[in-house]
N, C-alpha and C. Protein backbone atom coordinates (compact mmCIF):
# COMPACT_ATOMS: atom_id res chain seq x y z
N MET A 1 -4.10 -15.30 -31.31
CA MET A 1 -3.54 -14.04 -30.88
C MET A 1 -3.56 -13.99 -29.35
N GLU A 2 -2.45 -13.61 -28.76
CA GLU A 2 -2.33 -13.54 -27.31
C GLU A 2 -2.98 -12.28 -26.77
N LYS A 3 -3.79 -12.46 -25.72
CA LYS A 3 -4.49 -11.31 -25.13
C LYS A 3 -3.51 -10.52 -24.25
N LYS A 4 -3.51 -9.21 -24.45
CA LYS A 4 -2.63 -8.33 -23.68
C LYS A 4 -3.22 -8.09 -22.29
N ASN A 5 -2.38 -8.11 -21.26
CA ASN A 5 -2.83 -7.91 -19.89
C ASN A 5 -3.06 -6.41 -19.66
N THR A 6 -4.34 -6.01 -19.59
CA THR A 6 -4.65 -4.60 -19.40
C THR A 6 -4.64 -4.21 -17.93
N TYR A 7 -4.61 -5.19 -17.04
CA TYR A 7 -4.56 -4.95 -15.61
C TYR A 7 -3.22 -5.45 -15.09
N PRO A 8 -2.21 -4.58 -14.95
CA PRO A 8 -0.87 -5.03 -14.62
C PRO A 8 -0.76 -5.77 -13.28
N GLN A 9 -1.69 -5.54 -12.34
CA GLN A 9 -1.59 -6.19 -11.05
C GLN A 9 -2.40 -7.48 -11.00
N GLN A 10 -3.09 -7.79 -12.07
CA GLN A 10 -3.88 -9.00 -12.12
C GLN A 10 -2.95 -10.21 -12.07
N GLY A 11 -3.26 -11.15 -11.22
CA GLY A 11 -2.41 -12.34 -11.09
C GLY A 11 -1.41 -12.24 -9.96
N LEU A 12 -1.28 -11.08 -9.34
CA LEU A 12 -0.38 -10.92 -8.19
C LEU A 12 -1.04 -11.45 -6.94
N LYS A 13 -0.22 -11.87 -5.99
CA LYS A 13 -0.76 -12.22 -4.68
C LYS A 13 -1.28 -10.95 -4.03
N GLU A 14 -2.28 -11.09 -3.16
CA GLU A 14 -2.91 -9.93 -2.53
C GLU A 14 -1.88 -9.04 -1.83
N GLU A 15 -0.92 -9.63 -1.10
CA GLU A 15 0.04 -8.82 -0.35
C GLU A 15 1.06 -8.11 -1.25
N ASP A 16 1.16 -8.52 -2.52
CA ASP A 16 2.09 -7.87 -3.45
C ASP A 16 1.46 -6.70 -4.19
N ARG A 17 0.16 -6.47 -4.00
CA ARG A 17 -0.52 -5.38 -4.69
C ARG A 17 0.03 -4.03 -4.27
N LEU A 18 -0.01 -3.08 -5.17
CA LEU A 18 0.40 -1.71 -4.89
C LEU A 18 -0.86 -0.86 -4.81
N ILE A 19 -0.97 -0.08 -3.74
CA ILE A 19 -2.16 0.75 -3.56
C ILE A 19 -1.76 2.20 -3.34
N ASP A 20 -2.68 3.11 -3.61
CA ASP A 20 -2.40 4.53 -3.40
C ASP A 20 -2.81 4.93 -1.97
N VAL A 21 -2.56 6.18 -1.62
CA VAL A 21 -2.84 6.64 -0.25
C VAL A 21 -4.33 6.63 0.06
N PHE A 22 -5.19 6.79 -0.94
CA PHE A 22 -6.63 6.77 -0.70
C PHE A 22 -7.11 5.36 -0.37
N GLU A 23 -6.55 4.37 -1.06
CA GLU A 23 -6.89 2.98 -0.74
C GLU A 23 -6.34 2.61 0.63
N ALA A 24 -5.14 3.10 0.96
CA ALA A 24 -4.57 2.86 2.29
C ALA A 24 -5.45 3.49 3.36
N GLU A 25 -5.98 4.68 3.08
CA GLU A 25 -6.88 5.35 4.02
C GLU A 25 -8.15 4.52 4.22
N ARG A 26 -8.72 4.03 3.13
CA ARG A 26 -9.94 3.24 3.20
C ARG A 26 -9.72 1.95 4.00
N ARG A 27 -8.57 1.33 3.83
CA ARG A 27 -8.30 0.05 4.50
C ARG A 27 -7.95 0.22 5.98
N THR A 28 -7.38 1.35 6.35
CA THR A 28 -6.87 1.50 7.72
C THR A 28 -7.60 2.54 8.56
N GLY A 29 -8.28 3.48 7.93
CA GLY A 29 -8.91 4.56 8.67
C GLY A 29 -7.94 5.68 9.00
N ARG A 30 -6.72 5.57 8.56
CA ARG A 30 -5.69 6.59 8.75
C ARG A 30 -5.77 7.55 7.56
N LYS A 31 -5.78 8.84 7.81
CA LYS A 31 -5.99 9.83 6.75
C LYS A 31 -4.91 9.75 5.67
N ALA A 32 -5.33 10.10 4.44
CA ALA A 32 -4.41 10.11 3.31
C ALA A 32 -3.28 11.10 3.56
N SER A 33 -3.58 12.22 4.23
CA SER A 33 -2.54 13.22 4.50
C SER A 33 -1.47 12.64 5.46
N THR A 34 -1.89 11.77 6.36
CA THR A 34 -0.92 11.14 7.27
C THR A 34 -0.03 10.17 6.49
N TRP A 35 -0.62 9.43 5.56
CA TRP A 35 0.18 8.53 4.71
C TRP A 35 1.18 9.35 3.90
N ARG A 36 0.72 10.48 3.33
CA ARG A 36 1.62 11.33 2.54
C ARG A 36 2.77 11.88 3.38
N ARG A 37 2.45 12.31 4.61
CA ARG A 37 3.49 12.84 5.51
C ARG A 37 4.54 11.76 5.80
N ASP A 38 4.09 10.55 6.11
CA ASP A 38 5.03 9.47 6.39
C ASP A 38 5.87 9.10 5.17
N ILE A 39 5.27 9.19 3.99
CA ILE A 39 6.02 8.93 2.76
C ILE A 39 7.07 10.02 2.57
N LEU A 40 6.69 11.27 2.77
CA LEU A 40 7.61 12.39 2.63
C LEU A 40 8.78 12.29 3.62
N MET A 41 8.48 11.84 4.84
CA MET A 41 9.51 11.72 5.87
C MET A 41 10.26 10.39 5.79
N LYS A 42 9.92 9.59 4.74
CA LYS A 42 10.56 8.29 4.48
C LYS A 42 10.42 7.31 5.64
N LYS A 43 9.25 7.35 6.30
CA LYS A 43 8.97 6.43 7.39
C LYS A 43 8.47 5.08 6.89
N ILE A 44 7.92 5.07 5.68
CA ILE A 44 7.45 3.82 5.10
C ILE A 44 8.01 3.68 3.68
N PRO A 45 8.34 2.45 3.28
CA PRO A 45 8.87 2.25 1.92
C PRO A 45 7.75 2.36 0.89
N VAL A 46 8.07 2.94 -0.25
CA VAL A 46 7.09 3.10 -1.32
C VAL A 46 7.70 2.69 -2.66
N VAL A 47 6.84 2.55 -3.63
CA VAL A 47 7.25 2.29 -5.01
C VAL A 47 6.85 3.51 -5.82
N ARG A 48 7.81 4.09 -6.53
CA ARG A 48 7.52 5.27 -7.35
C ARG A 48 7.50 4.85 -8.81
N LEU A 49 6.40 5.21 -9.47
CA LEU A 49 6.21 4.93 -10.89
C LEU A 49 5.99 6.26 -11.59
N GLY A 50 7.08 6.91 -11.95
CA GLY A 50 6.98 8.27 -12.48
C GLY A 50 6.54 9.19 -11.36
N ARG A 51 5.41 9.86 -11.56
CA ARG A 51 4.87 10.74 -10.51
C ARG A 51 4.04 9.98 -9.49
N LEU A 52 3.62 8.78 -9.85
CA LEU A 52 2.76 8.00 -8.97
C LEU A 52 3.56 7.41 -7.81
N VAL A 53 2.96 7.42 -6.65
CA VAL A 53 3.57 6.83 -5.46
C VAL A 53 2.62 5.76 -4.96
N ARG A 54 3.11 4.55 -4.79
CA ARG A 54 2.28 3.45 -4.34
C ARG A 54 2.91 2.77 -3.13
N ILE A 55 2.05 2.20 -2.30
CA ILE A 55 2.48 1.50 -1.09
C ILE A 55 2.15 0.03 -1.28
N ARG A 56 3.09 -0.84 -0.94
CA ARG A 56 2.81 -2.27 -0.99
C ARG A 56 1.81 -2.62 0.10
N LEU A 57 0.83 -3.42 -0.24
CA LEU A 57 -0.17 -3.85 0.73
C LEU A 57 0.49 -4.61 1.88
N SER A 58 1.54 -5.36 1.59
CA SER A 58 2.24 -6.10 2.64
C SER A 58 2.86 -5.15 3.67
N THR A 59 3.28 -3.96 3.24
CA THR A 59 3.83 -2.97 4.16
C THR A 59 2.76 -2.54 5.16
N ILE A 60 1.56 -2.30 4.68
CA ILE A 60 0.47 -1.90 5.56
C ILE A 60 0.09 -3.04 6.50
N GLN A 61 0.04 -4.25 5.97
CA GLN A 61 -0.28 -5.41 6.81
C GLN A 61 0.76 -5.60 7.90
N ASP A 62 2.03 -5.39 7.60
CA ASP A 62 3.10 -5.49 8.60
C ASP A 62 2.93 -4.42 9.68
N MET A 63 2.59 -3.20 9.26
CA MET A 63 2.38 -2.12 10.23
C MET A 63 1.24 -2.47 11.19
N ILE A 64 0.18 -3.05 10.67
CA ILE A 64 -0.96 -3.44 11.50
C ILE A 64 -0.55 -4.55 12.46
N ARG A 65 0.19 -5.54 11.96
CA ARG A 65 0.64 -6.64 12.82
C ARG A 65 1.53 -6.14 13.96
N LYS A 66 2.46 -5.25 13.63
CA LYS A 66 3.39 -4.73 14.65
C LYS A 66 2.69 -3.84 15.67
N GLY A 67 1.64 -3.16 15.21
CA GLY A 67 0.94 -2.23 16.09
C GLY A 67 -0.15 -2.86 16.94
N SER A 68 -0.53 -4.08 16.60
CA SER A 68 -1.61 -4.72 17.37
C SER A 68 -1.04 -5.42 18.60
N GLU A 69 -1.81 -5.37 19.66
CA GLU A 69 -1.41 -5.98 20.92
C GLU A 69 -2.33 -7.17 21.21
N PRO A 70 -1.79 -8.23 21.80
CA PRO A 70 -2.64 -9.37 22.13
C PRO A 70 -3.65 -9.02 23.22
N ALA A 71 -4.81 -9.65 23.18
CA ALA A 71 -5.84 -9.42 24.19
C ALA A 71 -5.41 -9.98 25.53
N VAL A 72 -5.82 -9.32 26.58
CA VAL A 72 -5.44 -9.76 27.94
C VAL A 72 -6.52 -10.63 28.52
């Protein structure tokens, strides 16, 4: 009998994971309300699963890369 995958994101690459605004807050230090505002204003791409709104981890990583400046 084949085992059913109870964790839909299991087996995905780390950058393909979908996270909620609270996980984004924990990873970046940016408040969840700021993430929600940017989602509402369509400043960042999201994935909508019914009522759930998720952010691709790669989107956050790209934002960090673009916002970081090289050391002088």
